[in-house]
Amino acid sequence: MRMEKSDTAKILTPFLEGMKQAKADVEMFYIKRMNIQPCEGDFTCWNKNPGICQINDDMQLLYHKMREAEILVFATPVYIPLPGQMQNVLNRMVALIDPVIKTHKGRTRAKFREDVKIKKMVLVSSSAWWEKANFETVERIIQELAEDASVNYAGAVLRPHVQWLVEKSEKAEEISSAAQHTGFQLIKEGTMSRNDLNIIGQPLVSNTRFLEAERNAYQ
């Protein structure tokens, strides 16, 4: 039950609930519980067997689900920069990408294969560190993936110093409500409110107090 009660779940759960309230069909997969091997990098899924990954593991299930999904939500805590399992999934998604490339705004880009319905990507992430800047690498990775596949990057739902989000507190309820509305709005309007995102990511403690508490915790 650890993942269902994780710090990231404090934001992800109401966000997905908002999507469901907007009548979206939502499926969630915990990749930590799945057997997903690293990409072998030989590009047989581009050259020899287009669109087919030769590794027979649980990614085969995710390929099927991803091909049918219109919105792909990546939820992860911030490590340095990503948990290994998440990186494996991102690398293995190359099998879903058509290798016909073009230059767009000075960058080489491709697109998803015709049988992939994904139109948007979203990041939901939590971090133990105080500042939002700690998310920059993770957000850039997801945004680059969306742009490489020529789909819309709808934005990021970010909660820094998440351990300060005390359950059932006034701020926790405010943040949960904003996360729920964000998920609802994403389905109904295709966007996420900047005001709601700011509420979700608002400071809960000063940086000075945060650093003092962290130093005391490790003494």
N, C-alpha and C. Protein backbone atom coordinates (compact mmCIF):
# COMPACT_ATOMS: atom_id res chain seq x y z
N MET A 1 0.81 -1.21 0.00
CA MET A 1 0.00 0.00 0.00
C MET A 1 0.85 1.26 0.00
N ARG A 2 2.16 1.11 0.05
CA ARG A 2 3.02 2.28 0.15
C ARG A 2 2.78 3.26 -0.99
N MET A 3 2.66 2.77 -2.22
CA MET A 3 2.52 3.67 -3.36
C MET A 3 1.17 4.38 -3.35
N GLU A 4 0.13 3.69 -2.91
CA GLU A 4 -1.19 4.31 -2.84
C GLU A 4 -1.23 5.43 -1.80
N LYS A 5 -0.34 5.36 -0.80
CA LYS A 5 -0.29 6.36 0.27
C LYS A 5 0.95 7.25 0.15
N SER A 6 1.61 7.24 -0.98
CA SER A 6 2.85 7.98 -1.14
C SER A 6 2.62 9.48 -1.18
N ASP A 7 3.71 10.24 -1.09
CA ASP A 7 3.61 11.70 -1.18
C ASP A 7 3.08 12.13 -2.54
N THR A 8 3.51 11.47 -3.61
CA THR A 8 3.01 11.81 -4.94
C THR A 8 1.51 11.56 -5.04
N ALA A 9 1.03 10.52 -4.37
CA ALA A 9 -0.41 10.19 -4.40
C ALA A 9 -1.26 11.28 -3.78
N LYS A 10 -0.67 12.10 -2.89
CA LYS A 10 -1.42 13.19 -2.28
C LYS A 10 -1.92 14.18 -3.34
N ILE A 11 -1.20 14.27 -4.44
CA ILE A 11 -1.59 15.16 -5.54
C ILE A 11 -2.23 14.37 -6.67
N LEU A 12 -1.67 13.21 -6.98
CA LEU A 12 -2.17 12.42 -8.10
C LEU A 12 -3.60 11.93 -7.87
N THR A 13 -3.91 11.47 -6.66
CA THR A 13 -5.25 10.90 -6.40
C THR A 13 -6.37 11.91 -6.66
N PRO A 14 -6.34 13.12 -6.10
CA PRO A 14 -7.41 14.08 -6.43
C PRO A 14 -7.38 14.53 -7.89
N PHE A 15 -6.20 14.59 -8.49
CA PHE A 15 -6.09 14.96 -9.90
C PHE A 15 -6.83 13.95 -10.77
N LEU A 16 -6.60 12.67 -10.53
CA LEU A 16 -7.28 11.63 -11.31
C LEU A 16 -8.77 11.59 -11.00
N GLU A 17 -9.13 11.89 -9.75
CA GLU A 17 -10.54 11.93 -9.38
C GLU A 17 -11.25 13.02 -10.18
N GLY A 18 -10.60 14.15 -10.37
CA GLY A 18 -11.18 15.21 -11.19
C GLY A 18 -11.38 14.78 -12.62
N MET A 19 -10.43 14.03 -13.16
CA MET A 19 -10.56 13.50 -14.52
C MET A 19 -11.76 12.56 -14.61
N LYS A 20 -11.92 11.71 -13.59
CA LYS A 20 -13.05 10.78 -13.58
C LYS A 20 -14.38 11.52 -13.49
N GLN A 21 -14.42 12.60 -12.68
CA GLN A 21 -15.64 13.39 -12.55
C GLN A 21 -16.02 14.04 -13.88
N ALA A 22 -15.02 14.27 -14.73
CA ALA A 22 -15.27 14.82 -16.06
C ALA A 22 -15.60 13.73 -17.07
N LYS A 23 -15.82 12.51 -16.58
CA LYS A 23 -16.24 11.37 -17.39
C LYS A 23 -15.12 10.76 -18.21
N ALA A 24 -13.89 10.95 -17.78
CA ALA A 24 -12.77 10.30 -18.46
C ALA A 24 -12.60 8.88 -17.93
N ASP A 25 -12.24 7.96 -18.80
CA ASP A 25 -11.87 6.61 -18.38
C ASP A 25 -10.40 6.63 -17.97
N VAL A 26 -10.13 6.33 -16.73
CA VAL A 26 -8.78 6.44 -16.18
C VAL A 26 -8.26 5.07 -15.77
N GLU A 27 -7.05 4.75 -16.20
CA GLU A 27 -6.36 3.55 -15.74
C GLU A 27 -5.00 3.96 -15.20
N MET A 28 -4.62 3.37 -14.07
CA MET A 28 -3.35 3.70 -13.45
C MET A 28 -2.49 2.45 -13.32
N PHE A 29 -1.21 2.59 -13.63
CA PHE A 29 -0.27 1.49 -13.54
C PHE A 29 0.91 1.91 -12.68
N TYR A 30 1.25 1.08 -11.70
CA TYR A 30 2.42 1.30 -10.86
C TYR A 30 3.60 0.56 -11.48
N ILE A 31 4.46 1.30 -12.15
CA ILE A 31 5.52 0.62 -12.89
C ILE A 31 6.54 -0.04 -11.97
N LYS A 32 6.57 0.39 -10.70
CA LYS A 32 7.47 -0.27 -9.75
C LYS A 32 7.07 -1.72 -9.52
N ARG A 33 5.79 -2.02 -9.76
CA ARG A 33 5.30 -3.38 -9.59
C ARG A 33 5.38 -4.19 -10.88
N MET A 34 5.90 -3.58 -11.93
CA MET A 34 5.94 -4.24 -13.23
C MET A 34 7.37 -4.61 -13.60
N ASN A 35 7.51 -5.59 -14.46
CA ASN A 35 8.82 -5.98 -14.98
C ASN A 35 9.05 -5.27 -16.29
N ILE A 36 9.78 -4.17 -16.24
CA ILE A 36 10.08 -3.39 -17.44
C ILE A 36 11.59 -3.25 -17.55
N GLN A 37 12.15 -3.91 -18.54
CA GLN A 37 13.59 -3.94 -18.72
C GLN A 37 14.09 -2.68 -19.45
N PRO A 38 15.38 -2.37 -19.32
CA PRO A 38 15.94 -1.24 -20.06
C PRO A 38 15.88 -1.47 -21.57
N CYS A 39 15.78 -0.40 -22.32
CA CYS A 39 15.83 -0.49 -23.79
C CYS A 39 17.20 -1.00 -24.22
N GLU A 40 17.22 -1.89 -25.21
CA GLU A 40 18.47 -2.43 -25.71
C GLU A 40 19.14 -1.52 -26.73
N GLY A 41 18.40 -0.53 -27.22
CA GLY A 41 19.00 0.49 -28.06
C GLY A 41 19.42 0.06 -29.45
N ASP A 42 18.89 -1.07 -29.94
CA ASP A 42 19.31 -1.52 -31.27
C ASP A 42 18.34 -1.08 -32.38
N PHE A 43 17.26 -0.42 -31.99
CA PHE A 43 16.30 0.16 -32.94
C PHE A 43 15.67 -0.86 -33.89
N THR A 44 15.57 -2.12 -33.45
CA THR A 44 14.85 -3.08 -34.28
C THR A 44 13.37 -2.69 -34.40
N CYS A 45 12.86 -1.96 -33.42
CA CYS A 45 11.46 -1.51 -33.46
C CYS A 45 11.25 -0.41 -34.48
N TRP A 46 12.33 0.12 -35.03
CA TRP A 46 12.25 1.10 -36.12
C TRP A 46 12.61 0.46 -37.46
N ASN A 47 13.63 -0.37 -37.44
CA ASN A 47 14.20 -0.84 -38.71
C ASN A 47 13.75 -2.23 -39.13
N LYS A 48 13.83 -3.21 -38.24
CA LYS A 48 13.54 -4.60 -38.60
C LYS A 48 12.06 -4.94 -38.42
N ASN A 49 11.50 -4.58 -37.25
CA ASN A 49 10.08 -4.86 -36.95
C ASN A 49 9.42 -3.56 -36.49
N PRO A 50 9.04 -2.68 -37.43
CA PRO A 50 8.52 -1.36 -37.07
C PRO A 50 7.38 -1.42 -36.08
N GLY A 51 7.54 -0.69 -34.97
CA GLY A 51 6.50 -0.58 -33.96
C GLY A 51 6.43 -1.73 -32.98
N ILE A 52 7.31 -2.71 -33.12
CA ILE A 52 7.28 -3.90 -32.26
C ILE A 52 8.58 -4.00 -31.46
N CYS A 53 8.46 -3.93 -30.15
CA CYS A 53 9.63 -4.10 -29.28
C CYS A 53 9.88 -5.58 -29.07
N GLN A 54 11.12 -6.01 -29.20
CA GLN A 54 11.44 -7.44 -29.10
C GLN A 54 11.55 -7.93 -27.67
N ILE A 55 11.52 -7.03 -26.68
CA ILE A 55 11.64 -7.45 -25.29
C ILE A 55 10.27 -7.88 -24.77
N ASN A 56 10.16 -9.10 -24.34
CA ASN A 56 8.89 -9.64 -23.90
C ASN A 56 8.75 -9.47 -22.38
N ASP A 57 8.25 -8.33 -21.97
CA ASP A 57 8.05 -8.06 -20.55
C ASP A 57 6.76 -7.27 -20.38
N ASP A 58 6.54 -6.65 -19.22
CA ASP A 58 5.28 -5.97 -18.95
C ASP A 58 5.09 -4.69 -19.76
N MET A 59 6.12 -4.23 -20.43
CA MET A 59 5.96 -3.06 -21.29
C MET A 59 5.00 -3.37 -22.43
N GLN A 60 4.87 -4.64 -22.79
CA GLN A 60 3.95 -5.02 -23.86
C GLN A 60 2.51 -4.65 -23.50
N LEU A 61 2.15 -4.79 -22.23
CA LEU A 61 0.83 -4.36 -21.76
C LEU A 61 0.70 -2.84 -21.87
N LEU A 62 1.74 -2.13 -21.45
CA LEU A 62 1.68 -0.66 -21.51
C LEU A 62 1.61 -0.16 -22.95
N TYR A 63 2.28 -0.84 -23.87
CA TYR A 63 2.18 -0.44 -25.28
C TYR A 63 0.72 -0.46 -25.73
N HIS A 64 0.02 -1.52 -25.37
CA HIS A 64 -1.39 -1.64 -25.76
C HIS A 64 -2.21 -0.51 -25.15
N LYS A 65 -2.01 -0.23 -23.88
CA LYS A 65 -2.77 0.81 -23.20
C LYS A 65 -2.41 2.20 -23.73
N MET A 66 -1.14 2.43 -24.00
CA MET A 66 -0.71 3.73 -24.50
C MET A 66 -1.28 4.00 -25.90
N ARG A 67 -1.35 2.98 -26.71
CA ARG A 67 -1.89 3.18 -28.06
C ARG A 67 -3.35 3.63 -28.02
N GLU A 68 -4.07 3.25 -26.96
CA GLU A 68 -5.48 3.58 -26.85
C GLU A 68 -5.74 4.86 -26.07
N ALA A 69 -4.74 5.37 -25.36
CA ALA A 69 -4.93 6.54 -24.50
C ALA A 69 -4.84 7.84 -25.30
N GLU A 70 -5.68 8.81 -24.93
CA GLU A 70 -5.61 10.14 -25.55
C GLU A 70 -4.76 11.09 -24.72
N ILE A 71 -4.73 10.88 -23.40
CA ILE A 71 -3.91 11.69 -22.50
C ILE A 71 -3.02 10.75 -21.70
N LEU A 72 -1.72 11.04 -21.68
CA LEU A 72 -0.77 10.22 -20.95
C LEU A 72 -0.24 11.05 -19.78
N VAL A 73 -0.51 10.57 -18.56
CA VAL A 73 -0.08 11.27 -17.34
C VAL A 73 1.09 10.51 -16.72
N PHE A 74 2.22 11.18 -16.58
CA PHE A 74 3.37 10.60 -15.90
C PHE A 74 3.40 11.14 -14.48
N ALA A 75 3.37 10.25 -13.49
CA ALA A 75 3.42 10.66 -12.10
C ALA A 75 4.68 10.08 -11.46
N THR A 76 5.47 10.94 -10.84
CA THR A 76 6.73 10.46 -10.28
C THR A 76 7.23 11.39 -9.18
N PRO A 77 7.87 10.83 -8.17
CA PRO A 77 8.64 11.69 -7.27
C PRO A 77 9.92 12.11 -7.99
N VAL A 78 10.48 13.21 -7.58
CA VAL A 78 11.73 13.67 -8.18
C VAL A 78 12.90 13.04 -7.45
N TYR A 79 13.69 12.26 -8.19
CA TYR A 79 14.98 11.79 -7.69
C TYR A 79 16.02 12.60 -8.47
N ILE A 80 17.14 11.98 -8.81
CA ILE A 80 18.17 12.75 -9.51
C ILE A 80 18.51 12.05 -10.81
N PRO A 81 17.76 12.34 -11.91
CA PRO A 81 16.54 13.14 -11.92
C PRO A 81 15.27 12.31 -11.86
N LEU A 82 15.33 11.00 -12.19
CA LEU A 82 14.12 10.17 -12.28
C LEU A 82 14.36 8.80 -11.66
N PRO A 83 13.31 8.18 -11.10
CA PRO A 83 13.46 6.76 -10.71
C PRO A 83 13.80 5.92 -11.94
N GLY A 84 14.62 4.89 -11.75
CA GLY A 84 15.07 4.08 -12.87
C GLY A 84 13.96 3.46 -13.68
N GLN A 85 12.89 3.01 -12.99
CA GLN A 85 11.78 2.37 -13.71
C GLN A 85 11.10 3.34 -14.67
N MET A 86 10.96 4.60 -14.25
CA MET A 86 10.35 5.61 -15.12
C MET A 86 11.23 5.85 -16.35
N GLN A 87 12.52 5.91 -16.15
CA GLN A 87 13.42 6.13 -17.28
C GLN A 87 13.34 4.97 -18.27
N ASN A 88 13.19 3.76 -17.77
CA ASN A 88 13.03 2.61 -18.66
C ASN A 88 11.79 2.74 -19.53
N VAL A 89 10.67 3.17 -18.93
CA VAL A 89 9.43 3.35 -19.68
C VAL A 89 9.61 4.40 -20.77
N LEU A 90 10.20 5.53 -20.43
CA LEU A 90 10.38 6.60 -21.40
C LEU A 90 11.24 6.14 -22.56
N ASN A 91 12.34 5.44 -22.27
CA ASN A 91 13.22 4.96 -23.34
C ASN A 91 12.52 3.93 -24.22
N ARG A 92 11.71 3.07 -23.61
CA ARG A 92 11.04 2.01 -24.37
C ARG A 92 9.90 2.56 -25.24
N MET A 93 9.47 3.78 -25.01
CA MET A 93 8.41 4.37 -25.82
C MET A 93 8.86 4.67 -27.25
N VAL A 94 10.14 4.49 -27.52
CA VAL A 94 10.63 4.71 -28.88
C VAL A 94 9.91 3.80 -29.88
N ALA A 95 9.43 2.64 -29.41
CA ALA A 95 8.72 1.72 -30.31
C ALA A 95 7.41 2.31 -30.81
N LEU A 96 6.87 3.30 -30.10
CA LEU A 96 5.61 3.92 -30.51
C LEU A 96 5.81 5.09 -31.46
N ILE A 97 7.06 5.44 -31.71
CA ILE A 97 7.37 6.62 -32.51
C ILE A 97 7.76 6.23 -33.93
N ASP A 98 7.17 6.92 -34.89
CA ASP A 98 7.48 6.73 -36.31
C ASP A 98 8.82 7.40 -36.60
N PRO A 99 9.79 6.69 -37.17
CA PRO A 99 11.12 7.26 -37.40
C PRO A 99 11.19 8.26 -38.56
N VAL A 100 10.06 8.63 -39.13
CA VAL A 100 10.08 9.67 -40.17
C VAL A 100 10.23 11.02 -39.46
N ILE A 101 11.38 11.67 -39.63
CA ILE A 101 11.69 12.86 -38.86
C ILE A 101 11.61 14.12 -39.73
N LYS A 102 11.50 15.26 -39.03
CA LYS A 102 11.49 16.56 -39.69
C LYS A 102 12.14 17.57 -38.77
N THR A 103 12.42 18.75 -39.28
CA THR A 103 12.96 19.83 -38.46
C THR A 103 11.84 20.83 -38.17
N HIS A 104 11.65 21.10 -36.87
CA HIS A 104 10.62 22.06 -36.45
C HIS A 104 11.24 23.04 -35.47
N LYS A 105 11.24 24.30 -35.83
CA LYS A 105 11.84 25.36 -35.00
C LYS A 105 13.27 25.03 -34.61
N GLY A 106 14.01 24.54 -35.58
CA GLY A 106 15.43 24.26 -35.37
C GLY A 106 15.74 22.96 -34.66
N ARG A 107 14.73 22.12 -34.37
CA ARG A 107 14.93 20.86 -33.67
C ARG A 107 14.43 19.70 -34.50
N THR A 108 15.12 18.56 -34.42
CA THR A 108 14.69 17.35 -35.08
C THR A 108 13.54 16.73 -34.30
N ARG A 109 12.40 16.48 -34.98
CA ARG A 109 11.23 15.92 -34.33
C ARG A 109 10.68 14.75 -35.15
N ALA A 110 9.90 13.92 -34.49
CA ALA A 110 9.22 12.80 -35.16
C ALA A 110 7.75 12.88 -34.80
N LYS A 111 7.06 11.77 -34.79
CA LYS A 111 5.66 11.73 -34.38
C LYS A 111 5.31 10.30 -33.98
N PHE A 112 4.22 10.17 -33.24
CA PHE A 112 3.75 8.83 -32.90
C PHE A 112 3.27 8.12 -34.16
N ARG A 113 3.31 6.80 -34.12
CA ARG A 113 2.78 6.01 -35.22
C ARG A 113 1.27 6.21 -35.34
N GLU A 114 0.74 5.88 -36.48
CA GLU A 114 -0.67 6.15 -36.77
C GLU A 114 -1.63 5.45 -35.82
N ASP A 115 -1.22 4.32 -35.24
CA ASP A 115 -2.11 3.58 -34.35
C ASP A 115 -2.04 4.07 -32.90
N VAL A 116 -1.28 5.13 -32.63
CA VAL A 116 -1.16 5.69 -31.28
C VAL A 116 -2.06 6.91 -31.17
N LYS A 117 -2.98 6.92 -30.21
CA LYS A 117 -3.99 7.97 -30.09
C LYS A 117 -3.60 9.11 -29.16
N ILE A 118 -2.43 9.03 -28.54
CA ILE A 118 -2.03 10.04 -27.56
C ILE A 118 -2.00 11.44 -28.20
N LYS A 119 -2.68 12.38 -27.54
CA LYS A 119 -2.72 13.77 -28.01
C LYS A 119 -2.07 14.74 -27.02
N LYS A 120 -2.03 14.35 -25.75
CA LYS A 120 -1.48 15.22 -24.71
C LYS A 120 -0.66 14.42 -23.71
N MET A 121 0.33 15.09 -23.12
CA MET A 121 1.09 14.52 -22.02
C MET A 121 1.09 15.50 -20.85
N VAL A 122 1.05 14.94 -19.64
CA VAL A 122 1.02 15.73 -18.42
C VAL A 122 2.00 15.12 -17.42
N LEU A 123 2.62 15.97 -16.61
CA LEU A 123 3.47 15.51 -15.52
C LEU A 123 2.82 15.85 -14.18
N VAL A 124 2.76 14.87 -13.28
CA VAL A 124 2.37 15.10 -11.89
C VAL A 124 3.55 14.65 -11.05
N SER A 125 4.08 15.54 -10.21
CA SER A 125 5.31 15.21 -9.51
C SER A 125 5.37 15.85 -8.13
N SER A 126 6.05 15.16 -7.22
CA SER A 126 6.29 15.68 -5.88
C SER A 126 7.79 15.66 -5.59
N SER A 127 8.19 16.52 -4.68
CA SER A 127 9.60 16.60 -4.31
C SER A 127 9.72 16.91 -2.83
N ALA A 128 10.77 16.41 -2.19
CA ALA A 128 11.01 16.71 -0.78
C ALA A 128 11.74 18.04 -0.62
N TRP A 129 12.38 18.53 -1.66
CA TRP A 129 13.13 19.78 -1.55
C TRP A 129 12.18 20.98 -1.64
N TRP A 130 12.66 22.11 -1.18
CA TRP A 130 11.79 23.27 -1.00
C TRP A 130 11.35 23.92 -2.31
N GLU A 131 12.28 24.07 -3.25
CA GLU A 131 12.03 24.93 -4.40
C GLU A 131 11.45 24.18 -5.59
N LYS A 132 10.63 24.90 -6.38
CA LYS A 132 10.06 24.32 -7.60
C LYS A 132 11.13 24.06 -8.65
N ALA A 133 12.23 24.78 -8.58
CA ALA A 133 13.29 24.60 -9.58
C ALA A 133 13.83 23.18 -9.57
N ASN A 134 13.60 22.45 -8.49
CA ASN A 134 14.06 21.07 -8.42
C ASN A 134 13.36 20.17 -9.42
N PHE A 135 12.23 20.63 -9.96
CA PHE A 135 11.48 19.85 -10.95
C PHE A 135 11.94 20.09 -12.39
N GLU A 136 12.80 21.05 -12.61
CA GLU A 136 13.08 21.51 -13.97
C GLU A 136 13.58 20.40 -14.88
N THR A 137 14.46 19.55 -14.40
CA THR A 137 15.00 18.48 -15.25
C THR A 137 13.91 17.48 -15.63
N VAL A 138 13.12 17.07 -14.64
CA VAL A 138 12.05 16.10 -14.90
C VAL A 138 11.02 16.68 -15.87
N GLU A 139 10.63 17.93 -15.65
CA GLU A 139 9.65 18.53 -16.54
C GLU A 139 10.20 18.67 -17.95
N ARG A 140 11.46 19.02 -18.06
CA ARG A 140 12.07 19.15 -19.40
C ARG A 140 12.08 17.82 -20.14
N ILE A 141 12.32 16.73 -19.40
CA ILE A 141 12.32 15.39 -20.02
C ILE A 141 10.95 15.06 -20.61
N ILE A 142 9.88 15.28 -19.83
CA ILE A 142 8.54 14.96 -20.30
C ILE A 142 8.12 15.90 -21.43
N GLN A 143 8.46 17.17 -21.31
CA GLN A 143 8.12 18.12 -22.37
C GLN A 143 8.84 17.78 -23.66
N GLU A 144 10.10 17.40 -23.56
CA GLU A 144 10.86 17.02 -24.75
C GLU A 144 10.28 15.77 -25.40
N LEU A 145 9.85 14.81 -24.58
CA LEU A 145 9.24 13.61 -25.14
C LEU A 145 7.98 13.97 -25.92
N ALA A 146 7.14 14.85 -25.35
CA ALA A 146 5.92 15.26 -26.04
C ALA A 146 6.26 15.95 -27.36
N GLU A 147 7.23 16.83 -27.33
CA GLU A 147 7.59 17.56 -28.55
C GLU A 147 8.26 16.65 -29.57
N ASP A 148 9.06 15.70 -29.10
CA ASP A 148 9.67 14.73 -30.02
C ASP A 148 8.62 13.91 -30.74
N ALA A 149 7.51 13.63 -30.04
CA ALA A 149 6.43 12.83 -30.63
C ALA A 149 5.36 13.70 -31.28
N SER A 150 5.59 15.03 -31.29
CA SER A 150 4.68 16.00 -31.93
C SER A 150 3.27 15.97 -31.35
N VAL A 151 3.19 15.89 -29.99
CA VAL A 151 1.90 16.00 -29.31
C VAL A 151 1.99 17.15 -28.31
N ASN A 152 0.85 17.55 -27.77
CA ASN A 152 0.78 18.69 -26.87
C ASN A 152 1.28 18.34 -25.47
N TYR A 153 2.16 19.18 -24.94
CA TYR A 153 2.55 19.07 -23.54
C TYR A 153 1.62 19.99 -22.76
N ALA A 154 0.71 19.41 -21.98
CA ALA A 154 -0.34 20.20 -21.33
C ALA A 154 0.13 20.88 -20.06
N GLY A 155 1.30 20.51 -19.53
CA GLY A 155 1.83 21.17 -18.36
C GLY A 155 2.12 20.21 -17.22
N ALA A 156 2.49 20.80 -16.06
CA ALA A 156 2.93 20.00 -14.92
C ALA A 156 2.21 20.41 -13.64
N VAL A 157 1.82 19.42 -12.88
CA VAL A 157 1.21 19.60 -11.56
C VAL A 157 2.29 19.27 -10.54
N LEU A 158 2.83 20.27 -9.86
CA LEU A 158 4.03 20.11 -9.05
C LEU A 158 3.81 20.46 -7.59
N ARG A 159 4.29 19.59 -6.67
CA ARG A 159 4.17 19.87 -5.24
C ARG A 159 5.54 19.74 -4.57
N PRO A 160 6.23 20.87 -4.35
CA PRO A 160 7.52 20.83 -3.64
C PRO A 160 7.32 20.65 -2.14
N HIS A 161 8.42 20.40 -1.41
CA HIS A 161 8.42 20.10 0.04
C HIS A 161 7.10 19.46 0.48
N VAL A 162 6.80 18.37 -0.21
CA VAL A 162 5.50 17.71 -0.04
C VAL A 162 5.31 17.15 1.37
N GLN A 163 6.42 16.87 2.06
CA GLN A 163 6.31 16.31 3.42
C GLN A 163 5.72 17.32 4.41
N TRP A 164 5.63 18.58 4.01
CA TRP A 164 5.02 19.60 4.85
C TRP A 164 3.52 19.71 4.62
N LEU A 165 3.01 18.90 3.70
CA LEU A 165 1.57 18.91 3.41
C LEU A 165 0.87 18.00 4.43
N VAL A 166 0.43 18.61 5.51
CA VAL A 166 -0.16 17.86 6.62
C VAL A 166 -1.58 17.44 6.28
N GLU A 167 -1.86 16.14 6.40
CA GLU A 167 -3.17 15.59 6.05
C GLU A 167 -4.29 16.25 6.86
N LYS A 168 -5.39 16.57 6.18
CA LYS A 168 -6.60 17.15 6.77
C LYS A 168 -6.41 18.58 7.28
N SER A 169 -5.29 19.20 6.95
CA SER A 169 -5.11 20.61 7.29
C SER A 169 -5.84 21.48 6.28
N GLU A 170 -6.00 22.76 6.60
CA GLU A 170 -6.68 23.68 5.68
C GLU A 170 -5.96 23.77 4.35
N LYS A 171 -4.64 23.83 4.37
CA LYS A 171 -3.87 23.91 3.14
C LYS A 171 -3.97 22.62 2.34
N ALA A 172 -3.99 21.49 3.02
CA ALA A 172 -4.11 20.21 2.32
C ALA A 172 -5.42 20.13 1.58
N GLU A 173 -6.49 20.59 2.21
CA GLU A 173 -7.80 20.58 1.56
C GLU A 173 -7.83 21.53 0.37
N GLU A 174 -7.21 22.69 0.53
CA GLU A 174 -7.16 23.66 -0.57
C GLU A 174 -6.39 23.10 -1.76
N ILE A 175 -5.26 22.48 -1.47
CA ILE A 175 -4.41 21.93 -2.53
C ILE A 175 -5.08 20.74 -3.20
N SER A 176 -5.72 19.88 -2.41
CA SER A 176 -6.42 18.74 -2.98
C SER A 176 -7.56 19.18 -3.89
N SER A 177 -8.29 20.19 -3.45
CA SER A 177 -9.39 20.72 -4.26
C SER A 177 -8.89 21.29 -5.58
N ALA A 178 -7.77 22.01 -5.52
CA ALA A 178 -7.19 22.58 -6.74
C ALA A 178 -6.71 21.48 -7.69
N ALA A 179 -6.12 20.41 -7.13
CA ALA A 179 -5.67 19.29 -7.96
C ALA A 179 -6.85 18.61 -8.63
N GLN A 180 -7.93 18.45 -7.90
CA GLN A 180 -9.13 17.83 -8.45
C GLN A 180 -9.71 18.68 -9.57
N HIS A 181 -9.79 19.98 -9.35
CA HIS A 181 -10.32 20.87 -10.39
C HIS A 181 -9.42 20.88 -11.62
N THR A 182 -8.11 20.77 -11.40
CA THR A 182 -7.16 20.75 -12.51
C THR A 182 -7.40 19.53 -13.40
N GLY A 183 -7.60 18.36 -12.78
CA GLY A 183 -7.90 17.16 -13.57
C GLY A 183 -9.19 17.28 -14.32
N PHE A 184 -10.22 17.84 -13.67
CA PHE A 184 -11.52 18.04 -14.31
C PHE A 184 -11.38 18.98 -15.51
N GLN A 185 -10.67 20.09 -15.30
CA GLN A 185 -10.52 21.09 -16.36
C GLN A 185 -9.72 20.54 -17.54
N LEU A 186 -8.73 19.71 -17.26
CA LEU A 186 -7.93 19.13 -18.34
C LEU A 186 -8.81 18.36 -19.31
N ILE A 187 -9.78 17.61 -18.77
CA ILE A 187 -10.67 16.84 -19.63
C ILE A 187 -11.68 17.73 -20.32
N LYS A 188 -12.29 18.63 -19.58
CA LYS A 188 -13.36 19.45 -20.13
C LYS A 188 -12.88 20.55 -21.07
N GLU A 189 -11.73 21.15 -20.77
CA GLU A 189 -11.27 22.30 -21.54
C GLU A 189 -9.94 22.07 -22.25
N GLY A 190 -9.25 20.99 -21.90
CA GLY A 190 -7.98 20.69 -22.55
C GLY A 190 -6.80 21.46 -21.99
N THR A 191 -7.02 22.25 -20.93
CA THR A 191 -5.95 23.04 -20.33
C THR A 191 -6.02 22.89 -18.81
N MET A 192 -5.02 23.44 -18.13
CA MET A 192 -4.98 23.45 -16.68
C MET A 192 -4.78 24.88 -16.20
N SER A 193 -5.58 25.30 -15.25
CA SER A 193 -5.56 26.68 -14.75
C SER A 193 -4.24 27.00 -14.07
N ARG A 194 -3.62 28.11 -14.47
CA ARG A 194 -2.39 28.56 -13.83
C ARG A 194 -2.63 28.88 -12.36
N ASN A 195 -3.80 29.41 -12.04
CA ASN A 195 -4.11 29.72 -10.65
C ASN A 195 -4.16 28.44 -9.81
N ASP A 196 -4.81 27.39 -10.33
CA ASP A 196 -4.86 26.12 -9.60
C ASP A 196 -3.47 25.52 -9.44
N LEU A 197 -2.65 25.58 -10.48
CA LEU A 197 -1.30 25.04 -10.41
C LEU A 197 -0.47 25.78 -9.37
N ASN A 198 -0.68 27.09 -9.27
CA ASN A 198 0.04 27.88 -8.26
C ASN A 198 -0.42 27.52 -6.85
N ILE A 199 -1.71 27.25 -6.69
CA ILE A 199 -2.22 26.82 -5.37
C ILE A 199 -1.60 25.49 -4.97
N ILE A 200 -1.53 24.57 -5.92
CA ILE A 200 -0.95 23.25 -5.64
C ILE A 200 0.52 23.36 -5.24
N GLY A 201 1.23 24.27 -5.87
CA GLY A 201 2.67 24.39 -5.63
C GLY A 201 3.06 25.48 -4.66
N GLN A 202 2.10 26.04 -3.94
CA GLN A 202 2.38 27.17 -3.05
C GLN A 202 3.33 26.79 -1.92
N PRO A 203 4.15 27.75 -1.45
CA PRO A 203 5.02 27.48 -0.31
C PRO A 203 4.20 27.22 0.95
N LEU A 204 4.59 26.22 1.71
CA LEU A 204 3.92 25.90 2.96
C LEU A 204 4.75 26.31 4.17
N VAL A 205 5.99 26.68 3.91
CA VAL A 205 6.92 27.06 4.96
C VAL A 205 8.01 27.90 4.30
N SER A 206 8.67 28.76 5.05
CA SER A 206 9.76 29.54 4.48
C SER A 206 10.96 28.66 4.20
N ASN A 207 11.78 29.07 3.27
CA ASN A 207 12.98 28.30 2.94
C ASN A 207 13.90 28.21 4.15
N THR A 208 13.96 29.28 4.94
CA THR A 208 14.81 29.28 6.13
C THR A 208 14.36 28.23 7.13
N ARG A 209 13.06 28.18 7.39
CA ARG A 209 12.54 27.19 8.33
C ARG A 209 12.71 25.77 7.79
N PHE A 210 12.52 25.62 6.48
CA PHE A 210 12.69 24.31 5.84
C PHE A 210 14.11 23.79 6.04
N LEU A 211 15.10 24.64 5.76
CA LEU A 211 16.50 24.22 5.88
C LEU A 211 16.86 23.92 7.32
N GLU A 212 16.33 24.71 8.24
CA GLU A 212 16.60 24.46 9.66
C GLU A 212 16.04 23.11 10.09
N ALA A 213 14.81 22.79 9.64
CA ALA A 213 14.20 21.52 9.98
C ALA A 213 14.97 20.35 9.38
N GLU A 214 15.46 20.53 8.16
CA GLU A 214 16.22 19.46 7.51
C GLU A 214 17.54 19.23 8.22
N ARG A 215 18.21 20.29 8.62
CA ARG A 215 19.48 20.13 9.34
C ARG A 215 19.25 19.41 10.67
N ASN A 216 18.20 19.79 11.37
CA ASN A 216 17.90 19.15 12.66
C ASN A 216 17.56 17.67 12.50
N ALA A 217 16.92 17.34 11.38
CA ALA A 217 16.50 15.95 11.15
C ALA A 217 17.68 15.03 10.96
N TYR A 218 18.79 15.56 10.46
CA TYR A 218 19.95 14.71 10.14
C TYR A 218 21.11 14.88 11.10
N GLN A 219 20.87 15.56 12.21
CA GLN A 219 21.91 15.70 13.23
C GLN A 219 21.89 14.51 14.19
